[in-house]
N, C-alpha and C. Protein backbone atom coordinates (compact mmCIF):
# COMPACT_ATOMS: atom_id res chain seq x y z
N MET A 1 -48.41 35.60 220.84
CA MET A 1 -47.15 34.76 220.34
C MET A 1 -46.62 34.03 221.55
N ALA A 2 -46.40 32.74 221.40
CA ALA A 2 -45.97 31.87 222.45
C ALA A 2 -44.38 31.81 222.20
N TYR A 3 -43.70 31.59 223.22
CA TYR A 3 -42.26 31.38 223.06
C TYR A 3 -41.95 29.98 223.54
N TYR A 4 -40.97 29.33 222.81
CA TYR A 4 -40.43 28.00 223.15
C TYR A 4 -39.08 27.97 223.88
N VAL A 5 -38.85 27.44 224.89
CA VAL A 5 -37.67 27.37 225.64
C VAL A 5 -37.06 26.01 225.42
N ASN A 6 -35.93 25.83 224.83
CA ASN A 6 -35.28 24.57 224.59
C ASN A 6 -34.57 24.21 225.88
N ARG A 7 -35.16 23.18 226.63
CA ARG A 7 -34.61 22.84 227.95
C ARG A 7 -33.64 21.63 227.77
N ASN A 8 -33.36 21.23 226.61
CA ASN A 8 -32.50 20.05 226.42
C ASN A 8 -31.00 20.49 225.95
N VAL A 9 -30.73 21.72 226.23
CA VAL A 9 -29.37 22.20 225.85
C VAL A 9 -28.32 21.63 226.74
N GLU A 10 -27.30 21.16 226.23
CA GLU A 10 -26.20 20.59 227.12
C GLU A 10 -25.09 21.52 227.21
N MET A 11 -24.75 21.74 228.54
CA MET A 11 -23.61 22.63 228.73
C MET A 11 -22.52 21.88 228.89
N THR A 12 -21.16 22.53 228.46
CA THR A 12 -19.88 21.87 228.61
C THR A 12 -19.58 21.82 230.12
N TRP A 13 -18.47 21.14 230.51
CA TRP A 13 -17.98 21.05 231.80
C TRP A 13 -17.62 22.41 232.32
N TRP A 14 -16.97 23.19 231.52
CA TRP A 14 -16.52 24.48 231.83
C TRP A 14 -17.71 25.45 232.19
N GLU A 15 -18.81 25.27 231.48
CA GLU A 15 -20.00 26.14 231.75
C GLU A 15 -20.72 25.62 233.06
N LYS A 16 -20.72 24.35 233.21
CA LYS A 16 -21.38 23.75 234.32
C LYS A 16 -20.70 24.17 235.79
N ALA A 17 -19.32 24.23 235.71
CA ALA A 17 -18.68 24.81 236.81
C ALA A 17 -18.87 26.31 237.06
N TYR A 18 -19.34 26.97 236.29
CA TYR A 18 -19.62 28.47 236.38
C TYR A 18 -18.39 29.27 236.71
N ILE A 19 -17.11 28.75 236.46
CA ILE A 19 -15.88 29.51 236.70
C ILE A 19 -15.84 30.80 236.15
N PRO A 20 -16.13 30.92 234.88
CA PRO A 20 -15.93 32.16 234.27
C PRO A 20 -16.84 33.29 234.90
N GLU A 21 -18.03 32.86 235.12
CA GLU A 21 -19.00 33.85 235.94
C GLU A 21 -18.64 34.24 237.32
N ILE A 22 -18.09 33.25 238.02
CA ILE A 22 -17.60 33.50 239.51
C ILE A 22 -16.48 34.45 239.29
N ILE A 23 -15.49 34.21 238.40
CA ILE A 23 -14.24 35.04 238.32
C ILE A 23 -14.82 36.59 237.97
N ARG A 24 -15.76 36.60 236.91
CA ARG A 24 -16.17 37.86 236.46
C ARG A 24 -16.88 38.66 237.58
N GLY A 25 -17.74 37.91 238.45
CA GLY A 25 -18.38 38.49 239.73
C GLY A 25 -17.46 39.01 240.52
N MET A 26 -16.26 38.24 241.01
CA MET A 26 -15.22 38.60 241.81
C MET A 26 -14.54 39.85 241.36
N LEU A 27 -14.32 39.99 240.19
CA LEU A 27 -13.50 41.13 239.54
C LEU A 27 -14.37 42.41 239.68
N ILE A 28 -15.65 42.34 239.51
CA ILE A 28 -16.49 43.50 239.71
C ILE A 28 -16.52 43.94 241.18
N THR A 29 -16.65 42.93 242.03
CA THR A 29 -16.73 43.10 243.45
C THR A 29 -15.37 43.94 243.94
N VAL A 30 -14.27 43.36 243.37
CA VAL A 30 -12.98 43.99 243.80
C VAL A 30 -12.83 45.37 243.16
N ARG A 31 -13.30 45.51 242.07
CA ARG A 31 -13.31 46.92 241.29
C ARG A 31 -14.02 47.88 242.22
N HIS A 32 -15.30 47.45 242.55
CA HIS A 32 -16.13 48.35 243.52
C HIS A 32 -15.49 48.65 244.86
N PHE A 33 -14.91 47.57 245.40
CA PHE A 33 -14.21 47.74 246.66
C PHE A 33 -13.09 48.81 246.68
N PHE A 34 -12.22 48.72 245.74
CA PHE A 34 -11.22 49.77 245.57
C PHE A 34 -11.47 51.05 245.23
N LYS A 35 -12.65 51.04 244.40
CA LYS A 35 -13.14 52.40 243.97
C LYS A 35 -13.61 53.12 245.12
N ASN A 36 -14.47 52.43 246.11
CA ASN A 36 -14.97 53.03 247.13
C ASN A 36 -13.99 53.27 248.35
N LEU A 37 -12.88 52.51 248.24
CA LEU A 37 -11.87 52.65 249.34
C LEU A 37 -10.92 53.83 249.00
N PHE A 38 -10.66 54.11 247.84
CA PHE A 38 -9.71 55.22 247.44
C PHE A 38 -10.45 56.24 246.55
N GLY A 39 -11.65 56.17 246.31
CA GLY A 39 -12.47 56.98 245.43
C GLY A 39 -12.51 58.54 245.88
N PHE A 40 -12.45 58.62 247.31
CA PHE A 40 -12.69 59.99 247.82
C PHE A 40 -11.41 60.91 247.82
N ILE A 41 -10.24 60.31 247.48
CA ILE A 41 -9.02 61.04 247.65
C ILE A 41 -8.84 62.09 246.54
N PRO A 42 -9.10 61.76 245.22
CA PRO A 42 -9.17 62.88 244.23
C PRO A 42 -10.22 63.96 244.48
N PHE A 43 -11.30 63.64 245.14
CA PHE A 43 -12.21 64.88 245.30
C PHE A 43 -11.77 65.63 246.53
N PHE A 44 -11.14 65.07 247.55
CA PHE A 44 -10.64 65.94 248.67
C PHE A 44 -9.28 66.63 248.25
N LEU A 45 -8.59 66.08 247.40
CA LEU A 45 -7.39 66.91 246.88
C LEU A 45 -7.72 67.98 245.74
N GLY A 46 -8.95 68.08 245.36
CA GLY A 46 -9.44 69.02 244.38
C GLY A 46 -9.23 68.73 243.01
N LYS A 47 -8.70 67.52 242.69
CA LYS A 47 -8.57 67.12 241.23
C LYS A 47 -9.92 66.75 240.54
N LYS A 48 -11.04 66.47 241.29
CA LYS A 48 -12.35 66.23 240.68
C LYS A 48 -13.30 67.04 241.28
N LYS A 49 -14.35 67.50 240.56
CA LYS A 49 -15.40 68.29 241.09
C LYS A 49 -16.32 67.38 241.74
N GLU A 50 -16.66 66.26 241.41
CA GLU A 50 -17.65 65.34 241.83
C GLU A 50 -17.02 64.16 242.50
N ARG A 51 -17.58 63.51 243.54
CA ARG A 51 -17.16 62.40 244.01
C ARG A 51 -17.59 61.14 243.11
N GLU A 52 -16.85 60.28 242.94
CA GLU A 52 -17.17 59.05 242.20
C GLU A 52 -18.20 58.01 242.99
N ILE A 53 -17.93 58.04 244.17
CA ILE A 53 -18.52 57.13 245.14
C ILE A 53 -19.85 57.82 245.66
N PHE A 54 -20.90 56.92 245.83
CA PHE A 54 -22.19 57.51 246.31
C PHE A 54 -22.28 57.24 247.79
N THR A 55 -21.61 58.13 248.47
CA THR A 55 -21.55 58.16 250.02
C THR A 55 -22.27 59.41 250.43
N VAL A 56 -23.18 59.45 251.24
CA VAL A 56 -23.80 60.70 251.89
C VAL A 56 -23.21 60.85 253.18
N TYR A 57 -22.47 62.05 253.50
CA TYR A 57 -21.89 62.19 254.72
C TYR A 57 -23.15 62.91 255.57
N TYR A 58 -23.84 62.13 256.36
CA TYR A 58 -25.09 62.28 256.82
C TYR A 58 -25.41 63.74 257.43
N PRO A 59 -24.73 64.04 258.62
CA PRO A 59 -25.20 65.30 259.29
C PRO A 59 -24.96 66.46 258.50
N GLU A 60 -23.91 66.60 257.61
CA GLU A 60 -23.70 67.64 256.87
C GLU A 60 -24.38 67.54 255.47
N GLU A 61 -24.70 66.34 254.96
CA GLU A 61 -25.34 66.30 253.68
C GLU A 61 -26.60 65.46 253.86
N THR A 62 -27.58 65.69 253.17
CA THR A 62 -28.82 65.02 253.08
C THR A 62 -29.16 64.64 251.65
N MET A 63 -29.99 63.70 251.51
CA MET A 63 -30.38 63.33 250.14
C MET A 63 -31.88 63.57 250.06
N ASP A 64 -32.29 63.92 248.91
CA ASP A 64 -33.72 63.99 248.45
C ASP A 64 -34.50 62.70 248.29
N TYR A 65 -35.52 62.50 249.02
CA TYR A 65 -36.09 61.14 248.99
C TYR A 65 -37.21 61.39 247.82
N PRO A 66 -37.50 60.09 247.12
CA PRO A 66 -38.35 60.16 246.09
C PRO A 66 -39.84 60.40 246.54
N ILE A 67 -40.65 60.89 245.90
CA ILE A 67 -42.09 61.14 246.44
C ILE A 67 -42.77 59.96 246.80
N ALA A 68 -42.50 58.85 246.30
CA ALA A 68 -43.15 57.51 246.82
C ALA A 68 -42.57 57.07 248.25
N TYR A 69 -41.57 57.65 248.70
CA TYR A 69 -40.86 57.31 249.95
C TYR A 69 -41.98 57.26 251.11
N ARG A 70 -41.83 56.14 251.94
CA ARG A 70 -42.93 56.15 253.02
C ARG A 70 -42.11 56.40 254.25
N GLY A 71 -42.11 57.79 254.73
CA GLY A 71 -41.54 58.06 256.02
C GLY A 71 -42.59 58.00 257.08
N ARG A 72 -42.53 58.85 258.07
CA ARG A 72 -43.50 58.80 259.11
C ARG A 72 -44.77 59.33 258.69
N PRO A 73 -45.82 58.88 259.28
CA PRO A 73 -47.20 59.21 258.86
C PRO A 73 -47.56 60.61 259.68
N VAL A 74 -48.13 61.47 258.85
CA VAL A 74 -48.54 62.88 259.52
C VAL A 74 -49.95 63.12 259.01
N LEU A 75 -50.41 64.01 259.75
CA LEU A 75 -51.99 64.36 259.57
C LEU A 75 -51.92 65.82 258.80
N ALA A 76 -52.81 65.92 257.76
CA ALA A 76 -52.98 67.22 256.96
C ALA A 76 -53.80 68.11 257.76
N LEU A 77 -53.25 69.38 257.73
CA LEU A 77 -53.77 70.47 258.46
C LEU A 77 -54.40 71.46 257.41
N ARG A 78 -55.57 71.79 257.43
CA ARG A 78 -56.24 72.57 256.45
C ARG A 78 -56.00 74.04 256.74
N GLU A 79 -56.38 75.07 255.89
CA GLU A 79 -55.98 76.39 255.98
C GLU A 79 -56.59 76.96 257.10
N ASP A 80 -57.77 76.43 257.67
CA ASP A 80 -58.40 77.07 258.79
C ASP A 80 -57.97 76.40 260.05
N ASN A 81 -56.80 75.76 260.09
CA ASN A 81 -56.08 75.30 261.21
C ASN A 81 -56.81 74.13 261.88
N LEU A 82 -57.55 73.39 261.16
CA LEU A 82 -58.36 72.24 261.54
C LEU A 82 -57.80 71.03 260.87
N PRO A 83 -57.79 69.79 261.47
CA PRO A 83 -57.24 68.71 260.80
C PRO A 83 -58.33 68.10 259.75
N GLU A 84 -57.83 67.61 258.71
CA GLU A 84 -58.76 67.06 257.71
C GLU A 84 -59.32 65.81 258.34
N CYS A 85 -58.91 65.22 259.36
CA CYS A 85 -59.46 64.08 259.82
C CYS A 85 -60.79 64.17 260.34
N VAL A 86 -61.64 63.15 260.03
CA VAL A 86 -63.00 63.08 260.68
C VAL A 86 -63.25 61.91 261.66
N ALA A 87 -62.21 61.55 262.13
CA ALA A 87 -62.19 60.37 263.23
C ALA A 87 -63.00 59.22 262.69
N CYS A 88 -63.02 58.77 261.50
CA CYS A 88 -63.77 57.66 261.12
C CYS A 88 -63.10 56.26 261.64
N GLY A 89 -61.72 56.31 261.86
CA GLY A 89 -61.18 55.08 262.53
C GLY A 89 -60.72 54.00 261.43
N LEU A 90 -60.84 54.28 260.28
CA LEU A 90 -60.38 53.40 259.16
C LEU A 90 -58.83 53.11 259.19
N CYS A 91 -57.99 54.18 259.48
CA CYS A 91 -56.51 54.03 259.57
C CYS A 91 -56.21 53.23 260.69
N GLU A 92 -57.07 53.35 261.82
CA GLU A 92 -56.77 52.58 263.09
C GLU A 92 -57.02 51.16 262.89
N ILE A 93 -58.15 50.93 262.01
CA ILE A 93 -58.42 49.40 261.69
C ILE A 93 -57.42 48.80 260.84
N ALA A 94 -56.92 49.63 259.76
CA ALA A 94 -56.11 49.16 258.84
C ALA A 94 -54.57 48.87 259.20
N CYS A 95 -54.31 49.58 260.34
CA CYS A 95 -52.94 49.44 260.90
C CYS A 95 -52.75 48.10 261.30
N PRO A 96 -51.65 47.26 260.75
CA PRO A 96 -51.18 45.98 261.11
C PRO A 96 -50.47 45.94 262.36
N ALA A 97 -49.97 47.09 262.81
CA ALA A 97 -49.04 47.22 264.12
C ALA A 97 -49.86 47.74 265.33
N TYR A 98 -51.18 48.28 264.99
CA TYR A 98 -51.95 48.77 265.94
C TYR A 98 -51.32 49.90 266.81
N CYS A 99 -50.69 50.86 265.89
CA CYS A 99 -49.99 51.88 266.62
C CYS A 99 -50.76 53.25 266.59
N ILE A 100 -51.95 53.24 265.97
CA ILE A 100 -52.79 54.45 265.87
C ILE A 100 -53.94 54.43 266.92
N ASP A 101 -54.08 55.41 267.63
CA ASP A 101 -55.24 55.59 268.69
C ASP A 101 -56.02 56.87 268.32
N ILE A 102 -57.23 56.73 268.01
CA ILE A 102 -58.09 57.96 267.78
C ILE A 102 -59.16 57.81 268.75
N ILE A 103 -59.48 59.17 269.38
CA ILE A 103 -60.55 59.31 270.25
C ILE A 103 -61.49 60.40 269.56
N PRO A 104 -62.63 59.98 269.01
CA PRO A 104 -63.54 60.92 268.20
C PRO A 104 -64.23 61.80 269.29
N GLY A 105 -64.40 63.07 268.60
CA GLY A 105 -65.27 63.94 269.34
C GLY A 105 -66.53 64.33 268.49
N ALA A 106 -67.61 64.40 269.12
CA ALA A 106 -68.81 64.73 268.49
C ALA A 106 -69.00 66.26 268.47
N ASN A 107 -69.61 66.67 267.40
CA ASN A 107 -69.87 68.24 267.21
C ASN A 107 -71.22 68.47 267.73
N SER A 108 -71.35 69.55 268.52
CA SER A 108 -72.55 70.05 269.08
C SER A 108 -73.08 71.10 268.24
N GLY A 109 -72.32 71.48 267.06
CA GLY A 109 -72.71 72.63 266.38
C GLY A 109 -72.05 73.85 266.64
N LYS A 110 -71.18 73.93 267.55
CA LYS A 110 -70.47 75.20 268.08
C LYS A 110 -69.04 75.09 267.71
N GLN A 111 -68.38 73.92 267.66
CA GLN A 111 -67.14 73.68 267.46
C GLN A 111 -66.55 74.20 265.91
N ASN A 112 -67.10 73.50 265.04
CA ASN A 112 -66.64 73.69 263.51
C ASN A 112 -67.67 73.04 262.61
N LYS A 113 -67.54 73.22 261.35
CA LYS A 113 -68.52 72.78 260.44
C LYS A 113 -68.46 71.26 260.20
N ASP A 114 -67.42 70.53 260.70
CA ASP A 114 -67.42 68.98 260.50
C ASP A 114 -68.22 68.41 261.63
N GLU A 115 -68.91 67.21 261.28
CA GLU A 115 -69.87 66.58 262.05
C GLU A 115 -68.91 65.86 263.22
N ARG A 116 -67.81 65.33 262.74
CA ARG A 116 -66.91 64.62 263.75
C ARG A 116 -65.61 65.13 263.55
N PHE A 117 -64.74 65.02 264.50
CA PHE A 117 -63.31 65.42 264.50
C PHE A 117 -62.69 64.68 265.61
N PRO A 118 -61.32 64.54 265.52
CA PRO A 118 -60.58 63.73 266.50
C PRO A 118 -60.35 64.54 267.81
N LYS A 119 -60.81 64.27 268.83
CA LYS A 119 -60.33 64.89 270.21
C LYS A 119 -58.93 64.56 270.28
N ALA A 120 -58.42 63.31 270.08
CA ALA A 120 -57.07 62.96 270.37
C ALA A 120 -56.68 61.93 269.22
N PHE A 121 -55.53 62.18 268.74
CA PHE A 121 -55.01 61.26 267.66
C PHE A 121 -53.51 60.95 268.00
N THR A 122 -53.11 59.85 268.20
CA THR A 122 -51.67 59.54 268.68
C THR A 122 -51.33 58.28 267.68
N ILE A 123 -49.96 58.52 267.34
CA ILE A 123 -49.27 57.40 266.61
C ILE A 123 -47.94 57.10 267.37
N ASP A 124 -47.80 55.77 267.66
CA ASP A 124 -46.72 55.31 268.41
C ASP A 124 -45.53 54.81 267.33
N TYR A 125 -44.65 55.78 267.00
CA TYR A 125 -43.61 55.38 266.14
C TYR A 125 -42.60 54.36 266.57
N ALA A 126 -42.63 54.07 267.91
CA ALA A 126 -41.81 52.91 268.22
C ALA A 126 -42.19 51.53 267.70
N ILE A 127 -43.66 51.46 267.35
CA ILE A 127 -44.07 50.12 266.83
C ILE A 127 -44.55 50.32 265.41
N CYS A 128 -44.60 51.55 264.95
CA CYS A 128 -45.03 51.83 263.49
C CYS A 128 -44.04 51.06 262.50
N ILE A 129 -44.63 50.42 261.48
CA ILE A 129 -43.86 49.73 260.57
C ILE A 129 -43.87 50.51 259.20
N PHE A 130 -44.49 51.75 259.20
CA PHE A 130 -44.29 52.46 257.98
C PHE A 130 -44.80 51.83 256.68
N CYS A 131 -45.93 51.10 256.79
CA CYS A 131 -46.42 50.34 255.70
C CYS A 131 -47.12 51.18 254.75
N GLY A 132 -47.87 52.12 255.07
CA GLY A 132 -48.81 53.11 254.44
C GLY A 132 -50.14 52.48 254.31
N PHE A 133 -50.55 51.70 255.08
CA PHE A 133 -51.92 51.12 254.99
C PHE A 133 -52.94 52.26 255.41
N CYS A 134 -52.45 53.02 256.44
CA CYS A 134 -53.33 53.95 256.91
C CYS A 134 -53.58 55.19 255.88
N GLU A 135 -52.57 55.40 255.03
CA GLU A 135 -52.76 56.40 254.18
C GLU A 135 -53.80 55.93 252.93
N GLU A 136 -53.57 54.50 252.67
CA GLU A 136 -54.54 53.97 251.62
C GLU A 136 -55.97 53.86 252.14
N ALA A 137 -56.13 53.53 253.51
CA ALA A 137 -57.54 53.39 253.99
C ALA A 137 -58.31 54.70 254.26
N CYS A 138 -57.48 55.79 254.31
CA CYS A 138 -58.11 57.16 254.67
C CYS A 138 -59.09 57.63 253.52
N PRO A 139 -60.38 57.69 253.74
CA PRO A 139 -61.29 58.31 252.73
C PRO A 139 -61.29 59.69 252.53
N GLU A 140 -60.64 60.44 253.52
CA GLU A 140 -60.65 61.99 253.48
C GLU A 140 -59.30 62.50 253.14
N GLU A 141 -58.49 61.88 252.65
CA GLU A 141 -57.20 62.39 252.55
C GLU A 141 -56.60 63.18 253.62
N ALA A 142 -56.50 62.60 254.81
CA ALA A 142 -56.05 63.33 256.06
C ALA A 142 -54.81 62.69 256.53
N ILE A 143 -54.39 61.52 256.39
CA ILE A 143 -53.15 61.05 256.77
C ILE A 143 -52.28 60.71 255.58
N PHE A 144 -50.98 61.11 255.66
CA PHE A 144 -50.06 60.89 254.47
C PHE A 144 -48.80 60.41 255.08
N MET A 145 -48.08 59.75 254.37
CA MET A 145 -46.66 59.30 254.66
C MET A 145 -45.75 60.38 254.24
N SER A 146 -44.94 60.84 255.10
CA SER A 146 -44.13 62.15 254.68
C SER A 146 -42.68 61.55 254.27
N ASP A 147 -41.81 62.43 254.09
CA ASP A 147 -40.47 61.95 253.77
C ASP A 147 -39.44 62.26 255.02
N ASP A 148 -40.02 62.28 256.17
CA ASP A 148 -39.24 62.36 257.27
C ASP A 148 -39.06 61.01 257.90
N CYS A 149 -37.57 60.92 258.22
CA CYS A 149 -37.19 59.65 258.81
C CYS A 149 -36.45 59.77 259.89
N GLU A 150 -36.16 60.96 260.38
CA GLU A 150 -35.37 61.14 261.56
C GLU A 150 -36.29 61.30 262.79
N ILE A 151 -36.56 60.16 263.23
CA ILE A 151 -37.44 59.99 264.46
C ILE A 151 -36.56 59.11 265.48
N SER A 152 -35.40 58.91 265.42
CA SER A 152 -34.81 58.09 266.48
C SER A 152 -34.77 58.71 267.80
N MET A 153 -35.08 58.06 268.78
CA MET A 153 -34.95 58.56 270.29
C MET A 153 -34.42 57.61 271.22
N LEU A 154 -33.80 57.92 272.23
CA LEU A 154 -33.45 57.05 273.26
C LEU A 154 -34.55 56.69 274.17
N ASP A 155 -35.67 57.39 274.23
CA ASP A 155 -36.69 56.96 275.14
C ASP A 155 -37.91 56.55 274.46
N ARG A 156 -38.52 55.39 274.54
CA ARG A 156 -39.67 54.92 273.79
C ARG A 156 -40.84 55.70 274.07
N LYS A 157 -41.00 56.33 275.31
CA LYS A 157 -42.31 57.20 275.57
C LYS A 157 -42.23 58.42 274.79
N LYS A 158 -41.13 58.76 274.32
CA LYS A 158 -41.11 60.11 273.62
C LYS A 158 -41.37 59.80 271.97
N MET A 159 -41.57 58.56 271.52
CA MET A 159 -41.77 58.11 270.27
C MET A 159 -43.31 58.13 270.14
N LYS A 160 -44.23 58.48 271.06
CA LYS A 160 -45.79 58.45 270.95
C LYS A 160 -45.97 60.06 270.65
N TYR A 161 -46.42 60.29 269.37
CA TYR A 161 -46.75 61.75 268.92
C TYR A 161 -48.20 61.92 269.13
N ASP A 162 -48.61 62.99 269.60
CA ASP A 162 -49.94 63.47 269.51
C ASP A 162 -50.37 64.29 268.51
N MET A 163 -51.63 64.78 268.36
CA MET A 163 -52.19 65.39 267.31
C MET A 163 -51.31 66.64 266.87
N GLU A 164 -50.79 67.45 267.88
CA GLU A 164 -50.25 68.65 267.65
C GLU A 164 -48.89 68.32 266.93
N GLN A 165 -48.19 67.37 267.33
CA GLN A 165 -47.08 67.03 266.68
C GLN A 165 -47.09 66.52 265.19
N LEU A 166 -48.30 65.82 264.98
CA LEU A 166 -48.52 65.15 263.65
C LEU A 166 -49.02 66.09 262.63
N LEU A 167 -49.42 67.29 262.94
CA LEU A 167 -50.25 68.08 262.09
C LEU A 167 -49.17 68.79 261.12
N VAL A 168 -49.21 68.68 259.92
CA VAL A 168 -48.57 69.38 258.86
C VAL A 168 -49.47 70.06 257.81
N PRO A 169 -49.16 71.33 257.38
CA PRO A 169 -50.01 72.02 256.53
C PRO A 169 -50.09 71.32 255.35
N VAL A 170 -51.32 71.44 254.56
CA VAL A 170 -51.62 70.75 253.35
C VAL A 170 -50.65 71.45 252.30
N ALA A 171 -50.23 72.62 252.32
CA ALA A 171 -49.25 73.10 251.30
C ALA A 171 -48.01 72.39 251.37
N ASP A 172 -47.44 71.86 252.55
CA ASP A 172 -46.13 71.17 252.63
C ASP A 172 -46.36 69.84 252.00
N LEU A 173 -47.54 69.30 251.98
CA LEU A 173 -47.92 67.84 251.62
C LEU A 173 -48.39 67.86 250.07
N LYS A 174 -48.30 69.01 249.32
CA LYS A 174 -48.91 69.06 248.01
C LYS A 174 -48.39 67.89 247.09
N ASP A 175 -47.10 67.70 247.06
CA ASP A 175 -46.66 66.64 246.07
C ASP A 175 -47.13 65.35 246.48
N ARG A 176 -46.96 65.22 247.80
CA ARG A 176 -47.46 63.69 248.31
C ARG A 176 -49.06 63.56 247.96
N ILE A 177 -49.71 64.61 248.18
CA ILE A 177 -51.15 64.41 247.93
C ILE A 177 -51.51 64.10 246.42
N GLU A 178 -50.80 64.81 245.46
CA GLU A 178 -50.91 64.62 244.09
C GLU A 178 -50.53 63.13 243.78
N PHE A 179 -49.33 62.77 244.34
CA PHE A 179 -49.01 61.33 244.06
C PHE A 179 -50.09 60.19 244.50
N THR A 180 -50.74 60.55 245.69
CA THR A 180 -51.52 59.54 246.34
C THR A 180 -52.95 59.51 245.34
N ARG A 181 -53.21 60.67 244.78
CA ARG A 181 -54.43 60.81 244.03
C ARG A 181 -54.11 59.93 242.66
N LYS A 182 -52.88 60.14 242.09
CA LYS A 182 -52.68 59.42 240.93
C LYS A 182 -52.45 57.88 241.23
N MET A 183 -51.92 57.59 242.31
CA MET A 183 -51.68 56.09 242.76
C MET A 183 -52.93 55.36 243.03
N TYR A 184 -53.68 55.95 244.01
CA TYR A 184 -54.85 55.14 244.42
C TYR A 184 -56.06 55.66 243.74
N GLY A 185 -56.27 56.56 242.97
CA GLY A 185 -57.29 56.97 242.28
C GLY A 185 -57.68 56.10 241.03
N LYS A 186 -56.50 55.40 240.54
CA LYS A 186 -56.81 54.53 239.43
C LYS A 186 -57.48 53.22 239.67
N TRP A 187 -57.62 52.92 240.96
CA TRP A 187 -58.12 51.61 241.20
C TRP A 187 -59.68 51.74 241.29
N ASN A 188 -60.23 50.75 241.00
CA ASN A 188 -61.81 50.54 240.85
C ASN A 188 -62.30 49.88 242.01
N TYR A 189 -62.57 50.73 243.00
CA TYR A 189 -63.07 50.09 244.26
C TYR A 189 -64.47 49.69 244.21
């Protein structure tokens, strides 16, 4: 069913000036301003159980991030204390900021059951843009975007994380793994 839009409607001078909408927008802005300016007073005086304003007092309070939130990338650690990564390098290639460095190690048959594994895996969070392309490119479900966003530091050299700092147990990433399977599993590659 097609819709027809009549573009020949003539507005009055009052409607063309947009004065009523400007006034209405300013009233909403002023209402929110004073609500946020004085909204915490009844809460601290004990008159209200919950605050009306949405302000998180950060160090004391934290908020729960949605499962789709893209925090810092982490590596999945299996139950046998080995990373899920097989050092294929697809996440390194997919990264637009070039912040991932992988040094692959070959298996001589004595290390583990995997043919390939990463000898070194580093991510430089100082240049990472948290886009999630590495998570999309990974065929082994080895790298995931976590909900951790507290990575600020004063020294840029400390923002380069190695494999031991990146490893997170699969049990801690269970919700994100299920989300990515639903999200990326529906595409027809």
